[in-house]
Amino acid sequence: MSTSLHAEILLVEDNPQDVELTLRSFRKNNVTNRVVVAQDGAEALEYLFATDRYAGRSVSDIPKVILLDLKLPLVNGIEVLRRIKSDDRTKRIPVVVLTSSREEPDIAACYELGVNSYIVKPVDFQQFTEAVRNTGLYWLLLNEPPTFG
């Protein structure tokens, strides 16, 4: 993946198979943006707010899009989303929930908190690859983000 700091993807996913499928799908579809993987909700928040193990990182170096699973260890995805959308430094970052949960309370909570998109992970490999490809292409190439200041 490239080292562009302004076009990176934060993938928040604890399942190693889903991480590998997502990264493979990006490579297969020539999505060359730098991907940072956080394996739990706490690591995602540390990365975004440049604390603890990411204390040397500039908090102004924000991802272009966050792909967020909901069922995460330490801090769940809904709480990660709540913190992202309630902080002026991160609230404009597009967040795409990519999860296995079809639970109506999860979907409603995410939209209430300001999620940009909610995608249920397909079980089939080909459908998963296609969903990741379409998500990456839309949020990285088509979406026009606000200017961060």
N, C-alpha and C. Protein backbone atom coordinates (compact mmCIF):
# COMPACT_ATOMS: atom_id res chain seq x y z
N MET A 1 0.85 -1.18 0.00
CA MET A 1 0.00 0.00 0.00
C MET A 1 0.89 1.24 0.00
N SER A 2 0.42 2.32 -0.55
CA SER A 2 1.23 3.53 -0.64
C SER A 2 1.34 4.21 0.71
N THR A 3 2.23 5.18 0.81
CA THR A 3 2.44 5.86 2.09
C THR A 3 1.78 7.23 2.13
N SER A 4 0.84 7.49 1.23
CA SER A 4 0.14 8.76 1.25
C SER A 4 -0.56 8.96 2.59
N LEU A 5 -0.25 10.07 3.26
CA LEU A 5 -0.83 10.31 4.57
C LEU A 5 -2.22 10.90 4.50
N HIS A 6 -2.58 11.50 3.39
CA HIS A 6 -3.87 12.18 3.30
C HIS A 6 -4.95 11.33 2.64
N ALA A 7 -4.64 10.11 2.25
CA ALA A 7 -5.65 9.29 1.58
C ALA A 7 -5.68 7.90 2.19
N GLU A 8 -5.53 7.84 3.51
CA GLU A 8 -5.48 6.51 4.09
C GLU A 8 -6.84 6.03 4.57
N ILE A 9 -6.91 4.73 4.75
CA ILE A 9 -8.10 4.05 5.22
C ILE A 9 -7.77 3.49 6.60
N LEU A 10 -8.65 3.74 7.55
CA LEU A 10 -8.52 3.09 8.85
C LEU A 10 -9.51 1.95 8.86
N LEU A 11 -8.98 0.72 8.91
CA LEU A 11 -9.80 -0.48 8.96
C LEU A 11 -9.81 -0.96 10.41
N VAL A 12 -10.98 -0.93 11.03
CA VAL A 12 -11.11 -1.35 12.43
C VAL A 12 -11.82 -2.70 12.42
N GLU A 13 -11.03 -3.75 12.58
CA GLU A 13 -11.55 -5.12 12.42
C GLU A 13 -10.71 -6.07 13.26
N ASP A 14 -11.36 -6.90 14.07
CA ASP A 14 -10.64 -7.84 14.92
C ASP A 14 -10.51 -9.23 14.32
N ASN A 15 -11.24 -9.51 13.25
CA ASN A 15 -11.19 -10.84 12.63
C ASN A 15 -10.09 -10.86 11.57
N PRO A 16 -9.01 -11.64 11.80
CA PRO A 16 -7.89 -11.65 10.85
C PRO A 16 -8.29 -12.07 9.43
N GLN A 17 -9.27 -12.98 9.31
CA GLN A 17 -9.71 -13.39 7.98
C GLN A 17 -10.39 -12.23 7.25
N ASP A 18 -11.22 -11.47 7.95
CA ASP A 18 -11.88 -10.33 7.32
C ASP A 18 -10.87 -9.24 6.96
N VAL A 19 -9.85 -9.05 7.80
CA VAL A 19 -8.79 -8.09 7.47
C VAL A 19 -8.11 -8.52 6.18
N GLU A 20 -7.72 -9.78 6.11
CA GLU A 20 -7.03 -10.28 4.91
C GLU A 20 -7.91 -10.19 3.68
N LEU A 21 -9.19 -10.56 3.80
CA LEU A 21 -10.11 -10.45 2.65
C LEU A 21 -10.25 -9.01 2.19
N THR A 22 -10.34 -8.09 3.13
CA THR A 22 -10.48 -6.67 2.79
C THR A 22 -9.22 -6.17 2.08
N LEU A 23 -8.06 -6.47 2.64
CA LEU A 23 -6.80 -6.02 2.03
C LEU A 23 -6.61 -6.66 0.66
N ARG A 24 -6.94 -7.94 0.54
CA ARG A 24 -6.82 -8.62 -0.75
C ARG A 24 -7.75 -7.99 -1.78
N SER A 25 -8.96 -7.66 -1.36
CA SER A 25 -9.91 -7.02 -2.26
C SER A 25 -9.40 -5.66 -2.73
N PHE A 26 -8.83 -4.89 -1.81
CA PHE A 26 -8.25 -3.59 -2.20
C PHE A 26 -7.15 -3.79 -3.23
N ARG A 27 -6.23 -4.74 -2.96
CA ARG A 27 -5.11 -4.97 -3.88
C ARG A 27 -5.62 -5.42 -5.24
N LYS A 28 -6.57 -6.36 -5.23
CA LYS A 28 -7.12 -6.90 -6.48
C LYS A 28 -7.76 -5.79 -7.32
N ASN A 29 -8.31 -4.80 -6.66
CA ASN A 29 -9.01 -3.72 -7.36
C ASN A 29 -8.20 -2.43 -7.44
N ASN A 30 -6.89 -2.56 -7.25
CA ASN A 30 -5.95 -1.44 -7.38
C ASN A 30 -6.25 -0.26 -6.47
N VAL A 31 -6.80 -0.54 -5.29
CA VAL A 31 -6.95 0.50 -4.27
C VAL A 31 -5.62 0.51 -3.53
N THR A 32 -4.80 1.52 -3.83
CA THR A 32 -3.42 1.53 -3.32
C THR A 32 -3.23 2.48 -2.15
N ASN A 33 -4.31 3.02 -1.63
CA ASN A 33 -4.20 3.91 -0.47
C ASN A 33 -3.64 3.15 0.72
N ARG A 34 -2.91 3.87 1.56
CA ARG A 34 -2.34 3.26 2.75
C ARG A 34 -3.47 2.84 3.69
N VAL A 35 -3.42 1.59 4.15
CA VAL A 35 -4.42 1.07 5.08
C VAL A 35 -3.75 0.84 6.43
N VAL A 36 -4.36 1.41 7.46
CA VAL A 36 -3.93 1.15 8.83
C VAL A 36 -5.00 0.26 9.44
N VAL A 37 -4.57 -0.85 10.06
CA VAL A 37 -5.51 -1.78 10.68
C VAL A 37 -5.45 -1.63 12.19
N ALA A 38 -6.59 -1.35 12.80
CA ALA A 38 -6.72 -1.36 14.26
C ALA A 38 -7.50 -2.62 14.60
N GLN A 39 -6.97 -3.43 15.54
CA GLN A 39 -7.57 -4.73 15.82
C GLN A 39 -8.62 -4.70 16.92
N ASP A 40 -8.83 -3.53 17.52
CA ASP A 40 -9.90 -3.39 18.51
C ASP A 40 -10.28 -1.92 18.60
N GLY A 41 -11.38 -1.66 19.30
CA GLY A 41 -11.87 -0.29 19.38
C GLY A 41 -10.93 0.66 20.10
N ALA A 42 -10.24 0.16 21.12
CA ALA A 42 -9.30 1.00 21.87
C ALA A 42 -8.15 1.44 20.96
N GLU A 43 -7.62 0.51 20.16
CA GLU A 43 -6.53 0.87 19.25
C GLU A 43 -7.00 1.89 18.21
N ALA A 44 -8.22 1.75 17.73
CA ALA A 44 -8.76 2.71 16.76
C ALA A 44 -8.79 4.12 17.35
N LEU A 45 -9.27 4.23 18.59
CA LEU A 45 -9.34 5.54 19.25
C LEU A 45 -7.95 6.09 19.53
N GLU A 46 -7.02 5.23 19.93
CA GLU A 46 -5.63 5.68 20.14
C GLU A 46 -5.05 6.21 18.84
N TYR A 47 -5.31 5.52 17.74
CA TYR A 47 -4.81 5.97 16.44
C TYR A 47 -5.42 7.33 16.06
N LEU A 48 -6.73 7.41 16.13
CA LEU A 48 -7.41 8.64 15.70
C LEU A 48 -7.03 9.86 16.53
N PHE A 49 -6.87 9.66 17.83
CA PHE A 49 -6.60 10.79 18.72
C PHE A 49 -5.14 10.89 19.14
N ALA A 50 -4.28 10.08 18.46
CA ALA A 50 -2.82 10.14 18.66
C ALA A 50 -2.44 10.02 20.14
N THR A 51 -2.93 8.96 20.78
CA THR A 51 -2.61 8.72 22.19
C THR A 51 -1.93 7.35 22.33
N ASP A 52 -1.40 7.10 23.53
CA ASP A 52 -0.80 5.82 23.88
C ASP A 52 0.18 5.34 22.80
N ARG A 53 -0.07 4.18 22.17
CA ARG A 53 0.92 3.66 21.22
C ARG A 53 1.05 4.48 19.95
N TYR A 54 0.13 5.42 19.73
CA TYR A 54 0.21 6.30 18.56
C TYR A 54 0.49 7.75 18.96
N ALA A 55 1.05 7.95 20.14
CA ALA A 55 1.28 9.30 20.67
C ALA A 55 2.18 10.15 19.77
N GLY A 56 3.04 9.54 18.98
CA GLY A 56 3.93 10.31 18.11
C GLY A 56 3.29 10.73 16.80
N ARG A 57 2.11 10.26 16.52
CA ARG A 57 1.41 10.54 15.28
C ARG A 57 0.72 11.91 15.35
N SER A 58 0.63 12.58 14.24
CA SER A 58 -0.08 13.86 14.22
C SER A 58 -1.59 13.61 14.16
N VAL A 59 -2.33 14.17 15.10
CA VAL A 59 -3.78 13.99 15.12
C VAL A 59 -4.44 14.65 13.92
N SER A 60 -3.75 15.58 13.27
CA SER A 60 -4.32 16.23 12.09
C SER A 60 -4.20 15.36 10.84
N ASP A 61 -3.44 14.28 10.91
CA ASP A 61 -3.31 13.32 9.81
C ASP A 61 -4.47 12.34 9.90
N ILE A 62 -5.61 12.74 9.35
CA ILE A 62 -6.82 11.93 9.50
C ILE A 62 -7.06 11.03 8.29
N PRO A 63 -7.67 9.88 8.51
CA PRO A 63 -7.98 9.00 7.38
C PRO A 63 -9.03 9.62 6.48
N LYS A 64 -9.04 9.17 5.24
CA LYS A 64 -10.05 9.62 4.30
C LYS A 64 -11.39 8.92 4.56
N VAL A 65 -11.30 7.69 5.08
CA VAL A 65 -12.51 6.92 5.41
C VAL A 65 -12.15 5.91 6.50
N ILE A 66 -13.12 5.60 7.34
CA ILE A 66 -12.96 4.59 8.38
C ILE A 66 -13.94 3.46 8.08
N LEU A 67 -13.42 2.24 7.99
CA LEU A 67 -14.26 1.05 7.87
C LEU A 67 -14.30 0.42 9.25
N LEU A 68 -15.48 0.37 9.85
CA LEU A 68 -15.62 0.03 11.26
C LEU A 68 -16.51 -1.18 11.49
N ASP A 69 -15.95 -2.21 12.12
CA ASP A 69 -16.75 -3.34 12.57
C ASP A 69 -17.44 -2.94 13.87
N LEU A 70 -18.54 -3.56 14.21
CA LEU A 70 -19.23 -3.23 15.46
C LEU A 70 -18.82 -4.12 16.61
N LYS A 71 -18.64 -5.40 16.34
CA LYS A 71 -18.35 -6.36 17.39
C LYS A 71 -16.84 -6.43 17.61
N LEU A 72 -16.34 -5.52 18.45
CA LEU A 72 -14.91 -5.37 18.69
C LEU A 72 -14.59 -5.60 20.15
N PRO A 73 -13.38 -6.11 20.43
CA PRO A 73 -12.96 -6.21 21.83
C PRO A 73 -12.57 -4.85 22.40
N LEU A 74 -12.56 -4.75 23.70
CA LEU A 74 -12.16 -3.58 24.49
C LEU A 74 -13.15 -2.43 24.41
N VAL A 75 -13.34 -1.86 23.24
CA VAL A 75 -14.33 -0.79 23.04
C VAL A 75 -15.14 -1.19 21.81
N ASN A 76 -16.46 -1.32 21.96
CA ASN A 76 -17.25 -1.77 20.82
C ASN A 76 -17.38 -0.69 19.75
N GLY A 77 -17.78 -1.11 18.56
CA GLY A 77 -17.84 -0.22 17.42
C GLY A 77 -18.80 0.95 17.59
N ILE A 78 -19.90 0.73 18.27
CA ILE A 78 -20.86 1.83 18.48
C ILE A 78 -20.23 2.91 19.35
N GLU A 79 -19.47 2.52 20.37
CA GLU A 79 -18.80 3.51 21.22
C GLU A 79 -17.68 4.21 20.44
N VAL A 80 -16.97 3.49 19.59
CA VAL A 80 -15.94 4.13 18.74
C VAL A 80 -16.62 5.17 17.86
N LEU A 81 -17.73 4.80 17.22
CA LEU A 81 -18.47 5.73 16.37
C LEU A 81 -18.93 6.95 17.17
N ARG A 82 -19.43 6.73 18.38
CA ARG A 82 -19.89 7.83 19.23
C ARG A 82 -18.75 8.84 19.48
N ARG A 83 -17.58 8.31 19.79
CA ARG A 83 -16.44 9.19 20.08
C ARG A 83 -15.94 9.91 18.83
N ILE A 84 -15.95 9.22 17.71
CA ILE A 84 -15.52 9.86 16.44
C ILE A 84 -16.45 11.01 16.11
N LYS A 85 -17.75 10.77 16.16
CA LYS A 85 -18.73 11.76 15.71
C LYS A 85 -18.97 12.87 16.74
N SER A 86 -18.47 12.70 17.97
CA SER A 86 -18.67 13.74 18.98
C SER A 86 -17.44 14.64 19.15
N ASP A 87 -16.39 14.41 18.39
CA ASP A 87 -15.18 15.21 18.51
C ASP A 87 -15.01 16.06 17.25
N ASP A 88 -14.80 17.36 17.43
CA ASP A 88 -14.67 18.27 16.28
C ASP A 88 -13.55 17.88 15.33
N ARG A 89 -12.50 17.24 15.84
CA ARG A 89 -11.36 16.88 15.00
C ARG A 89 -11.67 15.71 14.07
N THR A 90 -12.65 14.89 14.42
CA THR A 90 -12.90 13.66 13.65
C THR A 90 -14.33 13.52 13.13
N LYS A 91 -15.23 14.38 13.52
CA LYS A 91 -16.65 14.16 13.21
C LYS A 91 -16.98 14.19 11.72
N ARG A 92 -16.13 14.80 10.90
CA ARG A 92 -16.41 14.87 9.46
C ARG A 92 -15.81 13.70 8.68
N ILE A 93 -15.04 12.84 9.33
CA ILE A 93 -14.48 11.68 8.64
C ILE A 93 -15.62 10.72 8.30
N PRO A 94 -15.74 10.31 7.03
CA PRO A 94 -16.76 9.32 6.71
C PRO A 94 -16.49 8.00 7.42
N VAL A 95 -17.52 7.48 8.07
CA VAL A 95 -17.42 6.19 8.75
C VAL A 95 -18.41 5.24 8.09
N VAL A 96 -17.88 4.12 7.62
CA VAL A 96 -18.69 3.07 7.02
C VAL A 96 -18.64 1.87 7.96
N VAL A 97 -19.79 1.52 8.52
CA VAL A 97 -19.86 0.32 9.34
C VAL A 97 -19.92 -0.87 8.39
N LEU A 98 -18.98 -1.79 8.59
CA LEU A 98 -18.90 -3.02 7.80
C LEU A 98 -18.94 -4.16 8.81
N THR A 99 -20.12 -4.74 8.99
CA THR A 99 -20.34 -5.66 10.11
C THR A 99 -21.23 -6.83 9.70
N SER A 100 -21.24 -7.84 10.54
CA SER A 100 -22.13 -8.98 10.30
C SER A 100 -23.50 -8.76 10.94
N SER A 101 -23.66 -7.71 11.73
CA SER A 101 -24.91 -7.48 12.46
C SER A 101 -26.01 -6.87 11.59
N ARG A 102 -27.12 -7.58 11.53
CA ARG A 102 -28.33 -7.06 10.89
C ARG A 102 -29.33 -6.59 11.93
N GLU A 103 -28.88 -6.48 13.18
CA GLU A 103 -29.77 -6.12 14.29
C GLU A 103 -30.27 -4.68 14.12
N GLU A 104 -31.59 -4.53 14.12
CA GLU A 104 -32.19 -3.21 13.95
C GLU A 104 -31.69 -2.19 14.99
N PRO A 105 -31.53 -2.57 16.27
CA PRO A 105 -31.02 -1.59 17.25
C PRO A 105 -29.60 -1.10 16.89
N ASP A 106 -28.76 -1.98 16.34
CA ASP A 106 -27.41 -1.57 15.92
C ASP A 106 -27.49 -0.59 14.75
N ILE A 107 -28.31 -0.92 13.77
CA ILE A 107 -28.45 -0.05 12.59
C ILE A 107 -28.97 1.32 13.03
N ALA A 108 -30.03 1.32 13.84
CA ALA A 108 -30.62 2.58 14.31
C ALA A 108 -29.61 3.39 15.12
N ALA A 109 -28.89 2.75 16.02
CA ALA A 109 -27.90 3.47 16.85
C ALA A 109 -26.82 4.09 15.98
N CYS A 110 -26.35 3.37 14.99
CA CYS A 110 -25.29 3.89 14.13
C CYS A 110 -25.76 5.12 13.35
N TYR A 111 -26.96 5.05 12.79
CA TYR A 111 -27.46 6.22 12.04
C TYR A 111 -27.75 7.39 12.98
N GLU A 112 -28.23 7.09 14.17
CA GLU A 112 -28.47 8.15 15.16
C GLU A 112 -27.16 8.88 15.50
N LEU A 113 -26.07 8.13 15.53
CA LEU A 113 -24.76 8.72 15.86
C LEU A 113 -24.08 9.38 14.67
N GLY A 114 -24.63 9.21 13.47
CA GLY A 114 -24.07 9.91 12.31
C GLY A 114 -23.23 9.07 11.38
N VAL A 115 -23.41 7.73 11.39
CA VAL A 115 -22.66 6.90 10.46
C VAL A 115 -23.00 7.31 9.03
N ASN A 116 -22.04 7.19 8.13
CA ASN A 116 -22.26 7.57 6.74
C ASN A 116 -22.86 6.44 5.91
N SER A 117 -22.58 5.21 6.31
CA SER A 117 -23.10 4.07 5.59
C SER A 117 -23.04 2.85 6.51
N TYR A 118 -23.97 1.92 6.32
CA TYR A 118 -24.03 0.70 7.13
C TYR A 118 -24.14 -0.46 6.16
N ILE A 119 -23.12 -1.31 6.13
CA ILE A 119 -23.08 -2.42 5.20
C ILE A 119 -22.96 -3.72 6.00
N VAL A 120 -23.85 -4.67 5.71
CA VAL A 120 -23.76 -5.98 6.33
C VAL A 120 -22.81 -6.81 5.48
N LYS A 121 -21.80 -7.39 6.13
CA LYS A 121 -20.80 -8.20 5.42
C LYS A 121 -21.47 -9.41 4.79
N PRO A 122 -21.30 -9.57 3.48
CA PRO A 122 -21.78 -10.80 2.86
C PRO A 122 -20.93 -11.98 3.32
N VAL A 123 -21.54 -13.15 3.44
CA VAL A 123 -20.81 -14.34 3.85
C VAL A 123 -19.98 -14.88 2.68
N ASP A 124 -20.49 -14.80 1.48
CA ASP A 124 -19.83 -15.30 0.28
C ASP A 124 -18.60 -14.46 -0.06
N PHE A 125 -17.48 -15.12 -0.35
CA PHE A 125 -16.22 -14.41 -0.63
C PHE A 125 -16.36 -13.43 -1.79
N GLN A 126 -16.96 -13.86 -2.89
CA GLN A 126 -17.08 -13.00 -4.06
C GLN A 126 -17.93 -11.76 -3.74
N GLN A 127 -19.02 -11.95 -3.01
CA GLN A 127 -19.88 -10.82 -2.64
C GLN A 127 -19.15 -9.89 -1.67
N PHE A 128 -18.38 -10.48 -0.74
CA PHE A 128 -17.60 -9.66 0.21
C PHE A 128 -16.59 -8.81 -0.56
N THR A 129 -15.88 -9.44 -1.50
CA THR A 129 -14.89 -8.72 -2.30
C THR A 129 -15.54 -7.58 -3.07
N GLU A 130 -16.70 -7.84 -3.65
CA GLU A 130 -17.41 -6.82 -4.42
C GLU A 130 -17.88 -5.67 -3.51
N ALA A 131 -18.38 -6.01 -2.32
CA ALA A 131 -18.82 -4.97 -1.38
C ALA A 131 -17.66 -4.09 -0.95
N VAL A 132 -16.51 -4.69 -0.66
CA VAL A 132 -15.33 -3.91 -0.27
C VAL A 132 -14.85 -3.05 -1.43
N ARG A 133 -14.83 -3.62 -2.63
CA ARG A 133 -14.40 -2.88 -3.82
C ARG A 133 -15.28 -1.64 -4.03
N ASN A 134 -16.58 -1.87 -4.01
CA ASN A 134 -17.51 -0.75 -4.24
C ASN A 134 -17.40 0.30 -3.14
N THR A 135 -17.24 -0.14 -1.90
CA THR A 135 -17.10 0.79 -0.78
C THR A 135 -15.84 1.62 -0.95
N GLY A 136 -14.72 0.96 -1.24
CA GLY A 136 -13.46 1.67 -1.42
C GLY A 136 -13.52 2.65 -2.57
N LEU A 137 -14.03 2.22 -3.71
CA LEU A 137 -14.09 3.10 -4.87
C LEU A 137 -14.97 4.31 -4.61
N TYR A 138 -16.12 4.09 -3.99
CA TYR A 138 -17.01 5.22 -3.72
C TYR A 138 -16.37 6.24 -2.77
N TRP A 139 -15.93 5.78 -1.60
CA TRP A 139 -15.45 6.70 -0.57
C TRP A 139 -14.10 7.32 -0.90
N LEU A 140 -13.29 6.63 -1.70
CA LEU A 140 -11.97 7.16 -2.02
C LEU A 140 -11.94 7.96 -3.31
N LEU A 141 -12.79 7.62 -4.28
CA LEU A 141 -12.73 8.28 -5.58
C LEU A 141 -13.91 9.18 -5.89
N LEU A 142 -15.11 8.79 -5.49
CA LEU A 142 -16.30 9.56 -5.87
C LEU A 142 -16.75 10.57 -4.83
N ASN A 143 -16.68 10.20 -3.57
CA ASN A 143 -17.15 11.08 -2.51
C ASN A 143 -16.31 12.36 -2.46
N GLU A 144 -16.95 13.48 -2.32
CA GLU A 144 -16.25 14.77 -2.18
C GLU A 144 -16.30 15.16 -0.70
N PRO A 145 -15.17 14.99 0.01
CA PRO A 145 -15.17 15.29 1.44
C PRO A 145 -15.08 16.80 1.72
N PRO A 146 -15.50 17.20 2.92
CA PRO A 146 -15.33 18.60 3.29
C PRO A 146 -13.86 18.90 3.52
N THR A 147 -13.51 20.16 3.44
CA THR A 147 -12.14 20.56 3.74
C THR A 147 -12.00 20.62 5.25
N PHE A 148 -10.96 19.96 5.75
CA PHE A 148 -10.69 19.97 7.19
C PHE A 148 -9.78 21.14 7.48
N GLY A 149 -10.06 21.85 8.55
CA GLY A 149 -9.24 23.01 8.83
C GLY A 149 -8.65 23.03 10.12
